Amino acid sequence: MPRPTASTSPSRVRQSVRPGDTNWERLFPGIIRQLLEGQRPIVRSDGTLTRDYLYVEDAASCYLQLAEALAARPDLRWEAFNFPPDAR
């Protein structure tokens, strides 16, 4: 099956962090809320699992850079991209 001719590529950011996030079930907002309320943060795991986080403005920068790269290099179209936590 031929690929569509659109200038797109699948891309994703796994875990992002942003100011003003009040979803208290998420790790960072929940910990900040607990500390502000004078509580000890609740450890939600045994520490064997790790996650990488990317600040939301860095994620937006990654998407803009990807759009520019796709415009300049059509051969990159339809390649998949993951943005690592140290991306900017």
Protein backbone atom coordinates (compact mmCIF):
# COMPACT_ATOMS: atom_id res chain seq x y z
CA MET A 1 0.00 0.00 0.00
CA PRO A 2 1.51 3.39 -0.92
CA ARG A 3 2.06 5.93 1.82
CA PRO A 4 0.02 9.13 1.76
CA THR A 5 1.86 12.17 0.51
CA ALA A 6 1.15 14.32 3.57
CA SER A 7 4.14 15.81 5.39
CA THR A 8 3.57 14.05 8.69
CA SER A 9 5.44 11.75 11.01
CA PRO A 10 4.22 9.97 14.11
CA SER A 11 5.79 11.52 17.20
CA ARG A 12 5.19 11.50 20.91
CA VAL A 13 6.19 12.82 24.28
CA ARG A 14 5.80 10.24 27.01
CA GLN A 15 5.51 12.20 30.25
CA SER A 16 5.36 15.97 30.30
CA VAL A 17 5.45 18.40 33.22
CA ARG A 18 3.93 21.86 33.14
CA PRO A 19 3.23 24.70 35.55
CA GLY A 20 -0.31 25.05 36.78
CA ASP A 21 -1.10 21.33 36.56
CA THR A 22 -3.72 20.64 39.22
CA ASN A 23 -4.36 17.00 38.44
CA TRP A 24 -3.47 15.84 41.94
CA GLU A 25 -3.25 12.21 40.83
CA ARG A 26 -0.12 13.01 38.81
CA LEU A 27 3.24 12.64 40.49
CA PHE A 28 4.56 16.20 40.60
CA PRO A 29 1.33 18.07 41.37
CA GLY A 30 0.47 15.50 44.03
CA ILE A 31 3.84 15.78 45.76
CA ILE A 32 3.78 19.58 45.65
CA ARG A 33 0.29 19.64 47.12
CA GLN A 34 1.27 17.24 49.91
CA LEU A 35 4.31 19.36 50.79
CA LEU A 36 2.29 22.59 50.78
CA GLU A 37 -0.22 20.94 53.14
CA GLY A 38 2.61 19.94 55.49
CA GLN A 39 2.30 16.24 54.65
CA ARG A 40 5.05 13.80 53.84
CA PRO A 41 4.96 12.78 50.17
CA ILE A 42 3.54 9.33 49.54
CA VAL A 43 5.89 6.96 47.77
CA ARG A 44 3.82 5.17 45.15
CA SER A 45 6.21 2.37 44.24
CA ASP A 46 9.18 0.40 45.45
CA GLY A 47 11.54 2.46 43.29
CA THR A 48 12.30 -0.22 40.71
CA LEU A 49 10.35 1.55 37.95
CA THR A 50 11.59 4.83 36.54
CA ARG A 51 10.04 7.43 34.27
CA ASP A 52 11.47 10.27 32.28
CA TYR A 53 9.75 13.64 32.24
CA LEU A 54 9.99 16.47 29.73
CA TYR A 55 9.00 20.06 30.47
CA VAL A 56 6.06 21.04 28.26
CA GLU A 57 7.83 24.04 26.67
CA ASP A 58 10.72 21.75 25.67
CA ALA A 59 8.19 19.34 24.16
CA ALA A 60 6.65 22.17 22.12
CA SER A 61 10.12 23.13 20.92
CA CYS A 62 10.70 19.54 19.81
CA TYR A 63 7.51 19.53 17.75
CA LEU A 64 8.47 22.82 16.08
CA GLN A 65 11.95 21.50 15.26
CA LEU A 66 10.41 18.33 13.85
CA ALA A 67 8.07 20.37 11.63
CA GLU A 68 11.03 22.37 10.32
CA ALA A 69 13.03 19.21 9.70
CA LEU A 70 10.14 17.61 7.81
CA ALA A 71 9.77 20.71 5.64
CA ALA A 72 13.49 20.69 4.81
CA ARG A 73 13.93 16.92 4.48
CA PRO A 74 11.02 15.14 2.79
CA ASP A 75 12.87 11.82 3.23
CA LEU A 76 12.07 12.01 6.96
CA ARG A 77 8.33 11.87 6.36
CA TRP A 78 6.63 8.90 7.96
CA GLU A 79 9.59 8.18 10.22
CA ALA A 80 8.63 7.84 13.89
CA PHE A 81 10.11 10.19 16.47
CA ASN A 82 10.22 9.97 20.26
CA PHE A 83 11.39 13.00 22.19
CA PRO A 84 13.77 12.10 25.02
CA PRO A 85 13.64 13.84 28.41
CA ASP A 86 16.80 15.85 27.71
CA ALA A 87 15.46 17.23 24.41
CA ARG A 88 15.14 20.97 23.86
